[in-house]
PDB file of N, CA and C in Angstrom:
ATOM      1  N   MET A   1       0.823  -1.188   0.000  1.00  0.00           N
ATOM      2  CA  MET A   1       0.000   0.000   0.000  1.00  0.00           C
ATOM      3  C   MET A   1       0.868   1.254   0.000  1.00  0.00           C
ATOM      4  N   ASP A   2       1.996   1.189   0.673  1.00  0.00           N
ATOM      5  CA  ASP A   2       2.852   2.376   0.763  1.00  0.00           C
ATOM      6  C   ASP A   2       3.367   2.823  -0.600  1.00  0.00           C
ATOM      7  N   THR A   3       3.561   1.881  -1.493  1.00  0.00           N
ATOM      8  CA  THR A   3       4.137   2.230  -2.791  1.00  0.00           C
ATOM      9  C   THR A   3       3.113   2.818  -3.756  1.00  0.00           C
ATOM     10  N   VAL A   4       1.825   2.589  -3.526  1.00  0.00           N
ATOM     11  CA  VAL A   4       0.801   3.114  -4.432  1.00  0.00           C
ATOM     12  C   VAL A   4      -0.104   4.154  -3.781  1.00  0.00           C
ATOM     13  N   HIS A   5       0.032   4.355  -2.487  1.00  0.00           N
ATOM     14  CA  HIS A   5      -0.857   5.281  -1.774  1.00  0.00           C
ATOM     15  C   HIS A   5      -0.813   6.686  -2.357  1.00  0.00           C
ATOM     16  N   HIS A   6       0.390   7.158  -2.707  1.00  0.00           N
ATOM     17  CA  HIS A   6       0.502   8.524  -3.233  1.00  0.00           C
ATOM     18  C   HIS A   6      -0.175   8.680  -4.593  1.00  0.00           C
ATOM     19  N   HIS A   7      -0.423   7.577  -5.291  1.00  0.00           N
ATOM     20  CA  HIS A   7      -1.166   7.649  -6.552  1.00  0.00           C
ATOM     21  C   HIS A   7      -2.679   7.721  -6.302  1.00  0.00           C
ATOM     22  N   LEU A   8      -3.119   7.222  -5.166  1.00  0.00           N
ATOM     23  CA  LEU A   8      -4.542   7.188  -4.854  1.00  0.00           C
ATOM     24  C   LEU A   8      -5.008   8.407  -4.066  1.00  0.00           C
ATOM     25  N   VAL A   9      -4.180   8.867  -3.127  1.00  0.00           N
ATOM     26  CA  VAL A   9      -4.552   9.971  -2.247  1.00  0.00           C
ATOM     27  C   VAL A   9      -3.466  11.028  -2.312  1.00  0.00           C
ATOM     28  N   HIS A  10      -3.856  12.256  -2.643  1.00  0.00           N
ATOM     29  CA  HIS A  10      -2.883  13.348  -2.692  1.00  0.00           C
ATOM     30  C   HIS A  10      -2.883  14.072  -1.350  1.00  0.00           C
ATOM     31  N   ASN A  11      -1.725  14.102  -0.707  1.00  0.00           N
ATOM     32  CA  ASN A  11      -1.575  14.787   0.573  1.00  0.00           C
ATOM     33  C   ASN A  11      -0.267  15.553   0.520  1.00  0.00           C
ATOM     34  N   SER A  12      -0.355  16.863   0.392  1.00  0.00           N
ATOM     35  CA  SER A  12       0.854  17.681   0.239  1.00  0.00           C
ATOM     36  C   SER A  12       1.655  17.793   1.532  1.00  0.00           C
ATOM     37  N   GLY A  13       1.110  17.356   2.655  1.00  0.00           N
ATOM     38  CA  GLY A  13       1.818  17.424   3.926  1.00  0.00           C
ATOM     39  C   GLY A  13       2.756  16.260   4.181  1.00  0.00           C
ATOM     40  N   VAL A  14       2.733  15.265   3.323  1.00  0.00           N
ATOM     41  CA  VAL A  14       3.582  14.084   3.501  1.00  0.00           C
ATOM     42  C   VAL A  14       4.890  14.296   2.753  1.00  0.00           C
ATOM     43  N   PRO A  15       6.033  14.138   3.430  1.00  0.00           N
ATOM     44  CA  PRO A  15       7.320  14.288   2.746  1.00  0.00           C
ATOM     45  C   PRO A  15       7.488  13.241   1.647  1.00  0.00           C
ATOM     46  N   GLY A  16       8.264  13.571   0.636  1.00  0.00           N
ATOM     47  CA  GLY A  16       8.471  12.651  -0.481  1.00  0.00           C
ATOM     48  C   GLY A  16       9.152  11.356  -0.089  1.00  0.00           C
ATOM     49  N   ALA A  17       9.949  11.388   0.973  1.00  0.00           N
ATOM     50  CA  ALA A  17      10.667  10.189   1.406  1.00  0.00           C
ATOM     51  C   ALA A  17       9.806   9.267   2.265  1.00  0.00           C
ATOM     52  N   TRP A  18       8.638   9.717   2.659  1.00  0.00           N
ATOM     53  CA  TRP A  18       7.826   8.933   3.587  1.00  0.00           C
ATOM     54  C   TRP A  18       7.420   7.563   3.047  1.00  0.00           C
ATOM     55  N   PRO A  19       6.947   7.425   1.810  1.00  0.00           N
ATOM     56  CA  PRO A  19       6.553   6.091   1.334  1.00  0.00           C
ATOM     57  C   PRO A  19       7.692   5.071   1.403  1.00  0.00           C
ATOM     58  N   GLY A  20       8.884   5.481   1.022  1.00  0.00           N
ATOM     59  CA  GLY A  20      10.025   4.563   1.095  1.00  0.00           C
ATOM     60  C   GLY A  20      10.381   4.202   2.519  1.00  0.00           C
ATOM     61  N   PHE A  21      10.359   5.190   3.417  1.00  0.00           N
ATOM     62  CA  PHE A  21      10.650   4.933   4.824  1.00  0.00           C
ATOM     63  C   PHE A  21       9.615   3.991   5.418  1.00  0.00           C
ATOM     64  N   CYS A  22       8.361   4.270   5.151  1.00  0.00           N
ATOM     65  CA  CYS A  22       7.280   3.468   5.710  1.00  0.00           C
ATOM     66  C   CYS A  22       7.334   2.028   5.182  1.00  0.00           C
ATOM     67  N   ALA A  23       7.601   1.871   3.904  1.00  0.00           N
ATOM     68  CA  ALA A  23       7.704   0.530   3.323  1.00  0.00           C
ATOM     69  C   ALA A  23       8.879  -0.234   3.918  1.00  0.00           C
ATOM     70  N   SER A  24      10.021   0.435   4.083  1.00  0.00           N
ATOM     71  CA  SER A  24      11.181  -0.255   4.662  1.00  0.00           C
ATOM     72  C   SER A  24      10.927  -0.608   6.124  1.00  0.00           C
ATOM     73  N   PHE A  25      10.222   0.239   6.851  1.00  0.00           N
ATOM     74  CA  PHE A  25       9.862  -0.083   8.231  1.00  0.00           C
ATOM     75  C   PHE A  25       8.955  -1.308   8.267  1.00  0.00           C
ATOM     76  N   ASP A  26       7.963  -1.365   7.377  1.00  0.00           N
ATOM     77  CA  ASP A  26       7.043  -2.502   7.332  1.00  0.00           C
ATOM     78  C   ASP A  26       7.785  -3.805   7.057  1.00  0.00           C
ATOM     79  N   VAL A  27       8.718  -3.776   6.112  1.00  0.00           N
ATOM     80  CA  VAL A  27       9.485  -4.980   5.773  1.00  0.00           C
ATOM     81  C   VAL A  27      10.355  -5.401   6.956  1.00  0.00           C
ATOM     82  N   THR A  28      11.007  -4.442   7.602  1.00  0.00           N
ATOM     83  CA  THR A  28      11.854  -4.749   8.755  1.00  0.00           C
ATOM     84  C   THR A  28      11.029  -5.315   9.907  1.00  0.00           C
ATOM     85  N   ALA A  29       9.891  -4.717  10.185  1.00  0.00           N
ATOM     86  CA  ALA A  29       9.026  -5.208  11.260  1.00  0.00           C
ATOM     87  C   ALA A  29       8.536  -6.625  10.959  1.00  0.00           C
ATOM     88  N   ALA A  30       8.162  -6.891   9.712  1.00  0.00           N
ATOM     89  CA  ALA A  30       7.711  -8.233   9.335  1.00  0.00           C
ATOM     90  C   ALA A  30       8.831  -9.252   9.489  1.00  0.00           C
ATOM     91  N   ALA A  31      10.055  -8.880   9.120  1.00  0.00           N
ATOM     92  CA  ALA A  31      11.195  -9.788   9.267  1.00  0.00           C
ATOM     93  C   ALA A  31      11.462 -10.089  10.737  1.00  0.00           C
ATOM     94  N   LEU A  32      11.374  -9.083  11.591  1.00  0.00           N
ATOM     95  CA  LEU A  32      11.592  -9.307  13.021  1.00  0.00           C
ATOM     96  C   LEU A  32      10.518 -10.214  13.618  1.00  0.00           C
ATOM     97  N   VAL A  33       9.269 -10.007  13.236  1.00  0.00           N
ATOM     98  CA  VAL A  33       8.191 -10.868  13.723  1.00  0.00           C
ATOM     99  C   VAL A  33       8.415 -12.308  13.260  1.00  0.00           C
ATOM    100  N   ALA A  34       8.835 -12.489  12.009  1.00  0.00           N
ATOM    101  CA  ALA A  34       9.099 -13.836  11.497  1.00  0.00           C
ATOM    102  C   ALA A  34      10.243 -14.495  12.255  1.00  0.00           C
ATOM    103  N   LEU A  35      11.321 -13.760  12.513  1.00  0.00           N
ATOM    104  CA  LEU A  35      12.457 -14.320  13.247  1.00  0.00           C
ATOM    105  C   LEU A  35      12.080 -14.694  14.674  1.00  0.00           C
ATOM    106  N   ILE A  36      11.327 -13.849  15.339  1.00  0.00           N
ATOM    107  CA  ILE A  36      10.899 -14.150  16.708  1.00  0.00           C
ATOM    108  C   ILE A  36       9.993 -15.376  16.727  1.00  0.00           C
ATOM    109  N   THR A  37       9.073 -15.460  15.770  1.00  0.00           N
ATOM    110  CA  THR A  37       8.171 -16.609  15.690  1.00  0.00           C
ATOM    111  C   THR A  37       8.947 -17.898  15.453  1.00  0.00           C
ATOM    112  N   LEU A  38       9.904 -17.871  14.528  1.00  0.00           N
ATOM    113  CA  LEU A  38      10.711 -19.062  14.261  1.00  0.00           C
ATOM    114  C   LEU A  38      11.565 -19.443  15.460  1.00  0.00           C
ATOM    115  N   ALA A  39      12.133 -18.465  16.142  1.00  0.00           N
ATOM    116  CA  ALA A  39      12.957 -18.752  17.318  1.00  0.00           C
ATOM    117  C   ALA A  39      12.122 -19.377  18.428  1.00  0.00           C
ATOM    118  N   ARG A  40      10.919 -18.879  18.636  1.00  0.00           N
ATOM    119  CA  ARG A  40      10.051 -19.454  19.670  1.00  0.00           C
ATOM    120  C   ARG A  40       9.617 -20.863  19.302  1.00  0.00           C
ATOM    121  N   ALA A  41       9.306 -21.093  18.039  1.00  0.00           N
ATOM    122  CA  ALA A  41       8.903 -22.430  17.603  1.00  0.00           C
ATOM    123  C   ALA A  41      10.051 -23.410  17.777  1.00  0.00           C
ATOM    124  N   ARG A  42      11.258 -22.983  17.446  1.00  0.00           N
ATOM    125  CA  ARG A  42      12.426 -23.851  17.602  1.00  0.00           C
ATOM    126  C   ARG A  42      12.685 -24.125  19.078  1.00  0.00           C
ATOM    127  N   SER A  43      12.559 -23.111  19.906  1.00  0.00           N
ATOM    128  CA  SER A  43      12.769 -23.272  21.340  1.00  0.00           C
ATOM    129  C   SER A  43      11.748 -24.243  21.927  1.00  0.00           C
ATOM    130  N   ASP A  44      10.499 -24.126  21.519  1.00  0.00           N
ATOM    131  CA  ASP A  44       9.465 -25.038  22.006  1.00  0.00           C
ATOM    132  C   ASP A  44       9.750 -26.466  21.581  1.00  0.00           C
ATOM    133  N   ARG A  45      10.232 -26.657  20.356  1.00  0.00           N
ATOM    134  CA  ARG A  45      10.530 -27.997  19.864  1.00  0.00           C
ATOM    135  C   ARG A  45      11.712 -28.591  20.618  1.00  0.00           C
ATOM    136  N   VAL A  46      12.734 -27.790  20.886  1.00  0.00           N
ATOM    137  CA  VAL A  46      13.907 -28.266  21.619  1.00  0.00           C
ATOM    138  C   VAL A  46      13.522 -28.618  23.046  1.00  0.00           C
ATOM    139  N   ASP A  47      12.615 -27.856  23.643  1.00  0.00           N
ATOM    140  CA  ASP A  47      12.175 -28.113  25.009  1.00  0.00           C
ATOM    141  C   ASP A  47      11.175 -29.262  25.090  1.00  0.00           C
ATOM    142  N   GLY A  48      10.789 -29.836  23.962  1.00  0.00           N
ATOM    143  CA  GLY A  48       9.862 -30.949  23.955  1.00  0.00           C
ATOM    144  C   GLY A  48       8.407 -30.534  23.967  1.00  0.00           C
ATOM    145  N   LEU A  49       8.121 -29.289  23.694  1.00  0.00           N
ATOM    146  CA  LEU A  49       6.743 -28.819  23.732  1.00  0.00           C
ATOM    147  C   LEU A  49       6.056 -28.877  22.378  1.00  0.00           C
ATOM    148  N   GLY A  50       6.831 -28.889  21.312  1.00  0.00           N
ATOM    149  CA  GLY A  50       6.253 -28.868  19.975  1.00  0.00           C
ATOM    150  C   GLY A  50       6.191 -30.259  19.374  1.00  0.00           C
ATOM    151  N   PRO A  51       5.632 -30.365  18.173  1.00  0.00           N
ATOM    152  CA  PRO A  51       5.539 -31.668  17.511  1.00  0.00           C
ATOM    153  C   PRO A  51       6.908 -32.150  17.054  1.00  0.00           C
ATOM    154  N   ASP A  52       7.100 -33.466  17.106  1.00  0.00           N
ATOM    155  CA  ASP A  52       8.340 -34.053  16.609  1.00  0.00           C
ATOM    156  C   ASP A  52       8.318 -34.049  15.093  1.00  0.00           C
ATOM    157  N   LEU A  53       9.453 -33.788  14.506  1.00  0.00           N
ATOM    158  CA  LEU A  53       9.564 -33.803  13.059  1.00  0.00           C
ATOM    159  C   LEU A  53      10.008 -35.183  12.602  1.00  0.00           C
ATOM    160  N   PRO A  54       9.560 -35.619  11.418  1.00  0.00           N
ATOM    161  CA  PRO A  54       9.974 -36.929  10.914  1.00  0.00           C
ATOM    162  C   PRO A  54      11.493 -36.997  10.781  1.00  0.00           C
ATOM    163  N   GLY A  55      12.049 -38.129  11.171  1.00  0.00           N
ATOM    164  CA  GLY A  55      13.485 -38.327  11.040  1.00  0.00           C
ATOM    165  C   GLY A  55      14.288 -37.861  12.234  1.00  0.00           C
ATOM    166  N   GLU A  56      13.650 -37.214  13.202  1.00  0.00           N
ATOM    167  CA  GLU A  56      14.363 -36.778  14.400  1.00  0.00           C
ATOM    168  C   GLU A  56      14.331 -37.888  15.442  1.00  0.00           C
ATOM    169  N   PRO A  57      15.412 -38.037  16.185  1.00  0.00           N
ATOM    170  CA  PRO A  57      15.402 -39.053  17.252  1.00  0.00           C
ATOM    171  C   PRO A  57      14.401 -38.673  18.341  1.00  0.00           C
ATOM    172  N   THR A  58      13.779 -39.681  18.938  1.00  0.00           N
ATOM    173  CA  THR A  58      12.780 -39.403  19.982  1.00  0.00           C
ATOM    174  C   THR A  58      13.325 -39.645  21.351  1.00  0.00           C
TER     175      THR A  58
END
């Protein structure tokens, strides 16, 4: 949405760099959420709380 918003809505109060900044923030935030989610899932599996994966020793 950040990359096309300026084509849909004209707002002269928004700096020209804002769409790029906002898009990069969104991507960074999504990457951090993904890393935290994967780390927690791995931690749960190592602690024996998650499902066993095929081929892993029991």
